[in-house]
Amino acid sequence: MSLARPPRFALFLALSGTLPVLAAVVALLVRWPGLDGLWLRAVAVYGAVIVSFVAGAHWGLACAAGAAAQRAVVQRHLAWSVVPALAGWAVAAQPLWMAYLGLAVLFPLLLVLDRVAVGAGLAPIWWPAMRLPPTVVIALGYLALGLLLLV
């Protein structure tokens, strides 16, 4: 395995996390019978959970670095691992179209945190390569959901 390539299983799992969003896009496009606000809200809450999960992984990376990294770098990363979770919670509480569009913005912003983690030596070099494909899919999915609700 190349240092720049993520483990296949990790990439598979990351991509599988896009399925609820893709299912919601399809359901809205075909006007799935029984599709209601509660189910659509659950898709927004799912996004907030995944934002929190990805950000929380950075908490683990910072803790794992421990004494090997500069204290300021670890503390900054610990703090930044909490901010996306709070933002995801606030975004998910908005009207659905706004929640979806907010999530479409939050996911790409997490890629910035990923790159910073690699640059600080906290994350493996393959981390951004693992995160990019599902981020593109999920951000475009939430963008589509937000736009579909507006039309």
N, C-alpha and C. Protein backbone atom coordinates (compact mmCIF):
# COMPACT_ATOMS: atom_id res chain seq x y z
N MET A 1 0.84 -1.19 0.00
CA MET A 1 0.00 0.00 0.00
C MET A 1 0.88 1.24 0.00
N SER A 2 0.55 2.16 -0.85
CA SER A 2 1.26 3.43 -0.92
C SER A 2 0.89 4.28 0.29
N LEU A 3 1.84 5.09 0.74
CA LEU A 3 1.56 5.98 1.86
C LEU A 3 0.50 7.02 1.52
N ALA A 4 0.35 7.35 0.23
CA ALA A 4 -0.61 8.37 -0.19
C ALA A 4 -1.99 7.78 -0.46
N ARG A 5 -2.11 6.46 -0.48
CA ARG A 5 -3.40 5.83 -0.78
C ARG A 5 -4.02 5.30 0.50
N PRO A 6 -5.30 5.60 0.69
CA PRO A 6 -5.96 5.09 1.90
C PRO A 6 -6.19 3.59 1.82
N PRO A 7 -6.27 2.94 2.95
CA PRO A 7 -6.64 1.53 2.94
C PRO A 7 -8.01 1.37 2.26
N ARG A 8 -8.14 0.36 1.43
CA ARG A 8 -9.39 0.17 0.67
C ARG A 8 -10.61 0.04 1.58
N PHE A 9 -10.45 -0.70 2.67
CA PHE A 9 -11.60 -0.90 3.56
C PHE A 9 -12.03 0.42 4.18
N ALA A 10 -11.08 1.27 4.55
CA ALA A 10 -11.42 2.58 5.11
C ALA A 10 -12.16 3.42 4.08
N LEU A 11 -11.71 3.41 2.85
CA LEU A 11 -12.39 4.15 1.79
C LEU A 11 -13.78 3.59 1.53
N PHE A 12 -13.91 2.27 1.53
CA PHE A 12 -15.21 1.63 1.36
C PHE A 12 -16.19 2.08 2.45
N LEU A 13 -15.73 2.05 3.70
CA LEU A 13 -16.59 2.46 4.80
C LEU A 13 -16.96 3.94 4.70
N ALA A 14 -15.99 4.76 4.33
CA ALA A 14 -16.26 6.19 4.19
C ALA A 14 -17.30 6.43 3.10
N LEU A 15 -17.18 5.74 1.98
CA LEU A 15 -18.15 5.90 0.90
C LEU A 15 -19.53 5.35 1.27
N SER A 16 -19.56 4.31 2.08
CA SER A 16 -20.85 3.76 2.49
C SER A 16 -21.64 4.77 3.33
N GLY A 17 -20.94 5.68 3.96
CA GLY A 17 -21.61 6.72 4.73
C GLY A 17 -22.40 7.71 3.89
N THR A 18 -22.22 7.68 2.58
CA THR A 18 -22.97 8.57 1.70
C THR A 18 -24.34 8.01 1.35
N LEU A 19 -24.59 6.74 1.62
CA LEU A 19 -25.82 6.09 1.18
C LEU A 19 -27.11 6.76 1.68
N PRO A 20 -27.22 7.15 2.94
CA PRO A 20 -28.47 7.80 3.35
C PRO A 20 -28.76 9.10 2.58
N VAL A 21 -27.72 9.85 2.28
CA VAL A 21 -27.92 11.10 1.55
C VAL A 21 -28.31 10.81 0.11
N LEU A 22 -27.63 9.86 -0.51
CA LEU A 22 -27.98 9.49 -1.88
C LEU A 22 -29.40 8.93 -1.95
N ALA A 23 -29.80 8.14 -0.97
CA ALA A 23 -31.16 7.60 -0.93
C ALA A 23 -32.18 8.73 -0.82
N ALA A 24 -31.86 9.74 -0.03
CA ALA A 24 -32.78 10.88 0.13
C ALA A 24 -32.92 11.66 -1.18
N VAL A 25 -31.81 11.83 -1.90
CA VAL A 25 -31.86 12.52 -3.19
C VAL A 25 -32.77 11.76 -4.14
N VAL A 26 -32.57 10.45 -4.23
CA VAL A 26 -33.40 9.63 -5.11
C VAL A 26 -34.86 9.70 -4.68
N ALA A 27 -35.12 9.60 -3.38
CA ALA A 27 -36.49 9.64 -2.88
C ALA A 27 -37.18 10.96 -3.23
N LEU A 28 -36.46 12.06 -3.11
CA LEU A 28 -37.05 13.35 -3.47
C LEU A 28 -37.27 13.47 -4.98
N LEU A 29 -36.32 12.98 -5.75
CA LEU A 29 -36.44 13.06 -7.20
C LEU A 29 -37.64 12.27 -7.73
N VAL A 30 -37.87 11.10 -7.17
CA VAL A 30 -38.97 10.25 -7.66
C VAL A 30 -40.25 10.46 -6.85
N ARG A 31 -40.20 11.41 -5.92
CA ARG A 31 -41.37 11.70 -5.07
C ARG A 31 -41.88 10.41 -4.40
N TRP A 32 -40.97 9.76 -3.70
CA TRP A 32 -41.23 8.49 -3.04
C TRP A 32 -42.49 8.58 -2.17
N PRO A 33 -43.42 7.63 -2.35
CA PRO A 33 -44.63 7.65 -1.52
C PRO A 33 -44.28 7.51 -0.04
N GLY A 34 -44.93 8.27 0.79
CA GLY A 34 -44.69 8.20 2.23
C GLY A 34 -43.53 9.04 2.71
N LEU A 35 -42.87 9.72 1.79
CA LEU A 35 -41.76 10.59 2.17
C LEU A 35 -42.32 11.75 2.98
N ASP A 36 -41.89 11.88 4.22
CA ASP A 36 -42.44 12.95 5.05
C ASP A 36 -41.34 13.78 5.69
N GLY A 37 -41.76 14.82 6.38
CA GLY A 37 -40.82 15.74 7.00
C GLY A 37 -39.92 15.08 8.04
N LEU A 38 -40.46 14.10 8.76
CA LEU A 38 -39.66 13.44 9.79
C LEU A 38 -38.48 12.70 9.14
N TRP A 39 -38.73 12.00 8.06
CA TRP A 39 -37.67 11.27 7.38
C TRP A 39 -36.64 12.24 6.80
N LEU A 40 -37.12 13.33 6.21
CA LEU A 40 -36.21 14.32 5.65
C LEU A 40 -35.40 15.01 6.75
N ARG A 41 -36.00 15.24 7.90
CA ARG A 41 -35.27 15.82 9.03
C ARG A 41 -34.21 14.84 9.51
N ALA A 42 -34.53 13.56 9.50
CA ALA A 42 -33.55 12.55 9.93
C ALA A 42 -32.31 12.58 9.04
N VAL A 43 -32.47 12.89 7.76
CA VAL A 43 -31.33 12.97 6.86
C VAL A 43 -30.46 14.18 7.22
N ALA A 44 -31.08 15.26 7.65
CA ALA A 44 -30.30 16.42 8.12
C ALA A 44 -29.58 16.10 9.42
N VAL A 45 -30.26 15.43 10.32
CA VAL A 45 -29.62 15.03 11.59
C VAL A 45 -28.48 14.06 11.31
N TYR A 46 -28.67 13.16 10.35
CA TYR A 46 -27.59 12.25 9.96
C TYR A 46 -26.35 13.04 9.54
N GLY A 47 -26.55 14.08 8.76
CA GLY A 47 -25.43 14.92 8.33
C GLY A 47 -24.70 15.53 9.51
N ALA A 48 -25.47 16.02 10.48
CA ALA A 48 -24.85 16.60 11.68
C ALA A 48 -24.07 15.55 12.45
N VAL A 49 -24.60 14.34 12.51
CA VAL A 49 -23.91 13.25 13.20
C VAL A 49 -22.59 12.92 12.48
N ILE A 50 -22.63 12.88 11.16
CA ILE A 50 -21.41 12.56 10.41
C ILE A 50 -20.39 13.69 10.52
N VAL A 51 -20.84 14.93 10.49
CA VAL A 51 -19.92 16.05 10.72
C VAL A 51 -19.25 15.88 12.07
N SER A 52 -20.03 15.53 13.09
CA SER A 52 -19.49 15.33 14.44
C SER A 52 -18.52 14.15 14.47
N PHE A 53 -18.86 13.09 13.76
CA PHE A 53 -18.01 11.91 13.71
C PHE A 53 -16.65 12.23 13.09
N VAL A 54 -16.68 12.92 11.94
CA VAL A 54 -15.43 13.26 11.26
C VAL A 54 -14.61 14.20 12.13
N ALA A 55 -15.25 15.20 12.71
CA ALA A 55 -14.53 16.12 13.59
C ALA A 55 -14.00 15.38 14.82
N GLY A 56 -14.79 14.46 15.34
CA GLY A 56 -14.36 13.69 16.50
C GLY A 56 -13.14 12.82 16.22
N ALA A 57 -13.02 12.38 14.98
CA ALA A 57 -11.82 11.61 14.61
C ALA A 57 -10.57 12.46 14.82
N HIS A 58 -10.70 13.75 14.61
CA HIS A 58 -9.56 14.65 14.82
C HIS A 58 -9.20 14.76 16.30
N TRP A 59 -10.17 14.63 17.16
CA TRP A 59 -9.90 14.59 18.61
C TRP A 59 -9.02 13.38 18.89
N GLY A 60 -9.39 12.25 18.31
CA GLY A 60 -8.59 11.03 18.49
C GLY A 60 -7.19 11.16 17.92
N LEU A 61 -7.07 11.79 16.75
CA LEU A 61 -5.75 12.00 16.16
C LEU A 61 -4.88 12.87 17.06
N ALA A 62 -5.47 13.94 17.60
CA ALA A 62 -4.71 14.83 18.47
C ALA A 62 -4.29 14.12 19.75
N CYS A 63 -5.19 13.33 20.32
CA CYS A 63 -4.86 12.60 21.55
C CYS A 63 -3.79 11.54 21.29
N ALA A 64 -3.88 10.88 20.15
CA ALA A 64 -2.90 9.85 19.82
C ALA A 64 -1.51 10.44 19.62
N ALA A 65 -1.44 11.68 19.14
CA ALA A 65 -0.13 12.32 18.93
C ALA A 65 0.56 12.58 20.25
N GLY A 66 -0.24 12.91 21.26
CA GLY A 66 0.28 13.13 22.60
C GLY A 66 1.54 13.97 22.67
N ALA A 67 2.55 13.45 23.33
CA ALA A 67 3.79 14.18 23.55
C ALA A 67 4.62 14.32 22.29
N ALA A 68 4.29 13.54 21.25
CA ALA A 68 5.06 13.61 20.01
C ALA A 68 4.81 14.91 19.25
N ALA A 69 3.70 15.57 19.52
CA ALA A 69 3.35 16.82 18.84
C ALA A 69 3.48 17.99 19.82
N GLN A 70 3.60 19.18 19.26
CA GLN A 70 3.67 20.36 20.10
C GLN A 70 2.34 20.53 20.84
N ARG A 71 2.43 20.93 22.07
CA ARG A 71 1.24 21.07 22.90
C ARG A 71 0.22 22.03 22.28
N ALA A 72 0.68 23.13 21.72
CA ALA A 72 -0.23 24.11 21.12
C ALA A 72 -0.96 23.51 19.92
N VAL A 73 -0.26 22.68 19.15
CA VAL A 73 -0.88 22.04 17.98
C VAL A 73 -1.97 21.09 18.45
N VAL A 74 -1.68 20.29 19.45
CA VAL A 74 -2.66 19.34 19.98
C VAL A 74 -3.86 20.08 20.55
N GLN A 75 -3.63 21.11 21.35
CA GLN A 75 -4.74 21.86 21.94
C GLN A 75 -5.60 22.53 20.88
N ARG A 76 -4.96 23.10 19.88
CA ARG A 76 -5.72 23.75 18.81
C ARG A 76 -6.57 22.72 18.07
N HIS A 77 -5.99 21.55 17.82
CA HIS A 77 -6.74 20.53 17.12
C HIS A 77 -7.88 19.96 17.96
N LEU A 78 -7.65 19.83 19.25
CA LEU A 78 -8.73 19.39 20.13
C LEU A 78 -9.89 20.38 20.07
N ALA A 79 -9.58 21.66 20.14
CA ALA A 79 -10.62 22.69 20.08
C ALA A 79 -11.35 22.66 18.74
N TRP A 80 -10.59 22.58 17.65
CA TRP A 80 -11.22 22.58 16.33
C TRP A 80 -11.99 21.31 16.05
N SER A 81 -11.75 20.27 16.81
CA SER A 81 -12.52 19.05 16.59
C SER A 81 -13.93 19.18 17.16
N VAL A 82 -14.15 20.16 18.03
CA VAL A 82 -15.46 20.36 18.64
C VAL A 82 -16.31 21.35 17.82
N VAL A 83 -15.68 22.33 17.22
CA VAL A 83 -16.40 23.39 16.50
C VAL A 83 -17.31 22.83 15.39
N PRO A 84 -16.85 21.92 14.53
CA PRO A 84 -17.76 21.40 13.49
C PRO A 84 -18.98 20.69 14.06
N ALA A 85 -18.83 20.01 15.18
CA ALA A 85 -19.97 19.34 15.79
C ALA A 85 -21.02 20.37 16.23
N LEU A 86 -20.58 21.44 16.82
CA LEU A 86 -21.51 22.49 17.22
C LEU A 86 -22.16 23.15 16.01
N ALA A 87 -21.38 23.36 14.97
CA ALA A 87 -21.92 23.95 13.74
C ALA A 87 -22.94 23.00 13.10
N GLY A 88 -22.63 21.72 13.07
CA GLY A 88 -23.56 20.73 12.51
C GLY A 88 -24.87 20.71 13.26
N TRP A 89 -24.81 20.79 14.58
CA TRP A 89 -26.02 20.82 15.41
C TRP A 89 -26.84 22.06 15.09
N ALA A 90 -26.19 23.21 15.00
CA ALA A 90 -26.91 24.45 14.70
C ALA A 90 -27.51 24.42 13.29
N VAL A 91 -26.78 23.88 12.35
CA VAL A 91 -27.27 23.81 10.97
C VAL A 91 -28.47 22.87 10.87
N ALA A 92 -28.40 21.72 11.53
CA ALA A 92 -29.48 20.75 11.46
C ALA A 92 -30.78 21.27 12.06
N ALA A 93 -30.70 22.27 12.90
CA ALA A 93 -31.89 22.83 13.55
C ALA A 93 -32.60 23.86 12.67
N GLN A 94 -32.06 24.17 11.53
CA GLN A 94 -32.64 25.17 10.63
C GLN A 94 -33.75 24.53 9.78
N PRO A 95 -34.53 25.38 9.09
CA PRO A 95 -35.48 24.81 8.13
C PRO A 95 -34.72 23.87 7.19
N LEU A 96 -35.40 22.83 6.72
CA LEU A 96 -34.71 21.76 5.99
C LEU A 96 -33.85 22.24 4.84
N TRP A 97 -34.35 23.10 4.00
CA TRP A 97 -33.56 23.52 2.84
C TRP A 97 -32.29 24.22 3.29
N MET A 98 -32.37 25.01 4.38
CA MET A 98 -31.18 25.68 4.92
C MET A 98 -30.24 24.67 5.56
N ALA A 99 -30.79 23.68 6.25
CA ALA A 99 -29.96 22.65 6.88
C ALA A 99 -29.16 21.90 5.83
N TYR A 100 -29.83 21.51 4.75
CA TYR A 100 -29.15 20.78 3.69
C TYR A 100 -28.05 21.63 3.05
N LEU A 101 -28.36 22.88 2.76
CA LEU A 101 -27.35 23.74 2.14
C LEU A 101 -26.20 24.03 3.10
N GLY A 102 -26.52 24.17 4.39
CA GLY A 102 -25.47 24.36 5.39
C GLY A 102 -24.55 23.15 5.49
N LEU A 103 -25.13 21.96 5.43
CA LEU A 103 -24.31 20.75 5.46
C LEU A 103 -23.46 20.63 4.20
N ALA A 104 -24.00 21.09 3.07
CA ALA A 104 -23.22 21.07 1.82
C ALA A 104 -21.98 21.95 1.94
N VAL A 105 -22.02 22.94 2.81
CA VAL A 105 -20.86 23.81 3.04
C VAL A 105 -19.94 23.22 4.12
N LEU A 106 -20.52 22.66 5.17
CA LEU A 106 -19.72 22.15 6.29
C LEU A 106 -18.79 21.00 5.88
N PHE A 107 -19.29 20.09 5.07
CA PHE A 107 -18.46 18.93 4.73
C PHE A 107 -17.16 19.32 4.02
N PRO A 108 -17.20 20.18 3.01
CA PRO A 108 -15.92 20.59 2.40
C PRO A 108 -15.01 21.34 3.37
N LEU A 109 -15.60 22.08 4.31
CA LEU A 109 -14.76 22.78 5.29
C LEU A 109 -13.98 21.80 6.16
N LEU A 110 -14.55 20.63 6.38
CA LEU A 110 -13.83 19.62 7.16
C LEU A 110 -12.55 19.17 6.46
N LEU A 111 -12.55 19.26 5.13
CA LEU A 111 -11.33 18.90 4.39
C LEU A 111 -10.16 19.81 4.77
N VAL A 112 -10.47 21.05 5.10
CA VAL A 112 -9.41 21.97 5.55
C VAL A 112 -8.80 21.43 6.84
N LEU A 113 -9.65 21.01 7.76
CA LEU A 113 -9.17 20.43 9.02
C LEU A 113 -8.33 19.17 8.75
N ASP A 114 -8.74 18.39 7.77
CA ASP A 114 -7.97 17.19 7.40
C ASP A 114 -6.56 17.55 6.94
N ARG A 115 -6.47 18.54 6.08
CA ARG A 115 -5.16 18.95 5.54
C ARG A 115 -4.28 19.52 6.66
N VAL A 116 -4.87 20.28 7.55
CA VAL A 116 -4.11 20.82 8.68
C VAL A 116 -3.58 19.68 9.54
N ALA A 117 -4.41 18.66 9.75
CA ALA A 117 -3.99 17.52 10.57
C ALA A 117 -2.81 16.79 9.94
N VAL A 118 -2.83 16.63 8.63
CA VAL A 118 -1.71 15.98 7.94
C VAL A 118 -0.47 16.86 8.05
N GLY A 119 -0.63 18.15 7.82
CA GLY A 119 0.50 19.07 7.90
C GLY A 119 1.13 19.13 9.27
N ALA A 120 0.31 18.94 10.30
CA ALA A 120 0.80 18.95 11.68
C ALA A 120 1.36 17.60 12.11
N GLY A 121 1.27 16.62 11.23
CA GLY A 121 1.77 15.29 11.57
C GLY A 121 0.83 14.49 12.43
N LEU A 122 -0.43 14.92 12.53
CA LEU A 122 -1.40 14.22 13.37
C LEU A 122 -2.14 13.12 12.61
N ALA A 123 -2.32 13.29 11.31
CA ALA A 123 -3.08 12.33 10.50
C ALA A 123 -2.15 11.69 9.47
N PRO A 124 -2.47 10.47 9.07
CA PRO A 124 -1.67 9.82 8.04
C PRO A 124 -1.78 10.58 6.71
N ILE A 125 -0.76 10.46 5.90
CA ILE A 125 -0.70 11.19 4.63
C ILE A 125 -1.88 10.85 3.72
N TRP A 126 -2.44 9.66 3.86
CA TRP A 126 -3.55 9.23 3.01
C TRP A 126 -4.90 9.74 3.49
N TRP A 127 -4.95 10.38 4.64
CA TRP A 127 -6.22 10.83 5.23
C TRP A 127 -7.06 11.68 4.27
N PRO A 128 -6.50 12.75 3.68
CA PRO A 128 -7.32 13.56 2.76
C PRO A 128 -7.80 12.77 1.53
N ALA A 129 -6.99 11.83 1.04
CA ALA A 129 -7.40 11.03 -0.11
C ALA A 129 -8.58 10.12 0.24
N MET A 130 -8.66 9.71 1.51
CA MET A 130 -9.78 8.89 1.95
C MET A 130 -11.03 9.75 2.10
N ARG A 131 -10.85 10.96 2.56
CA ARG A 131 -11.99 11.83 2.86
C ARG A 131 -12.56 12.56 1.64
N LEU A 132 -11.75 12.78 0.61
CA LEU A 132 -12.21 13.57 -0.52
C LEU A 132 -13.39 12.95 -1.28
N PRO A 133 -13.33 11.69 -1.71
CA PRO A 133 -14.47 11.15 -2.49
C PRO A 133 -15.80 11.19 -1.74
N PRO A 134 -15.88 10.72 -0.49
CA PRO A 134 -17.19 10.80 0.18
C PRO A 134 -17.61 12.24 0.45
N THR A 135 -16.65 13.13 0.66
CA THR A 135 -17.01 14.53 0.90
C THR A 135 -17.65 15.14 -0.34
N VAL A 136 -17.09 14.86 -1.50
CA VAL A 136 -17.66 15.38 -2.74
C VAL A 136 -19.08 14.84 -2.93
N VAL A 137 -19.25 13.54 -2.74
CA VAL A 137 -20.56 12.91 -2.93
C VAL A 137 -21.58 13.48 -1.95
N ILE A 138 -21.20 13.54 -0.68
CA ILE A 138 -22.17 13.97 0.33
C ILE A 138 -22.46 15.48 0.23
N ALA A 139 -21.47 16.28 -0.10
CA ALA A 139 -21.71 17.72 -0.25
C ALA A 139 -22.62 17.98 -1.45
N LEU A 140 -22.37 17.31 -2.56
CA LEU A 140 -23.24 17.47 -3.73
C LEU A 140 -24.65 16.93 -3.44
N GLY A 141 -24.72 15.85 -2.67
CA GLY A 141 -26.02 15.30 -2.29
C GLY A 141 -26.82 16.28 -1.45
N TYR A 142 -26.20 16.87 -0.44
CA TYR A 142 -26.91 17.86 0.38
C TYR A 142 -27.25 19.11 -0.42
N LEU A 143 -26.37 19.51 -1.33
CA LEU A 143 -26.68 20.65 -2.19
C LEU A 143 -27.92 20.34 -3.03
N ALA A 144 -27.96 19.14 -3.63
CA ALA A 144 -29.12 18.74 -4.42
C ALA A 144 -30.39 18.71 -3.56
N LEU A 145 -30.30 18.18 -2.37
CA LEU A 145 -31.48 18.13 -1.49
C LEU A 145 -31.99 19.53 -1.17
N GLY A 146 -31.06 20.44 -0.83
CA GLY A 146 -31.47 21.80 -0.54
C GLY A 146 -32.14 22.47 -1.72
N LEU A 147 -31.56 22.28 -2.90
CA LEU A 147 -32.12 22.89 -4.11
C LEU A 147 -33.46 22.25 -4.50
N LEU A 148 -33.58 20.93 -4.32
CA LEU A 148 -34.84 20.26 -4.63
C LEU A 148 -35.98 20.75 -3.73
N LEU A 149 -35.66 21.07 -2.50
CA LEU A 149 -36.69 21.58 -1.59
C LEU A 149 -37.10 23.01 -1.92
N LEU A 150 -36.20 23.73 -2.58
CA LEU A 150 -36.50 25.12 -2.95
C LEU A 150 -37.37 25.21 -4.19
N VAL A 151 -37.36 24.16 -5.02
CA VAL A 151 -38.15 24.23 -6.26
C VAL A 151 -39.49 23.54 -6.11
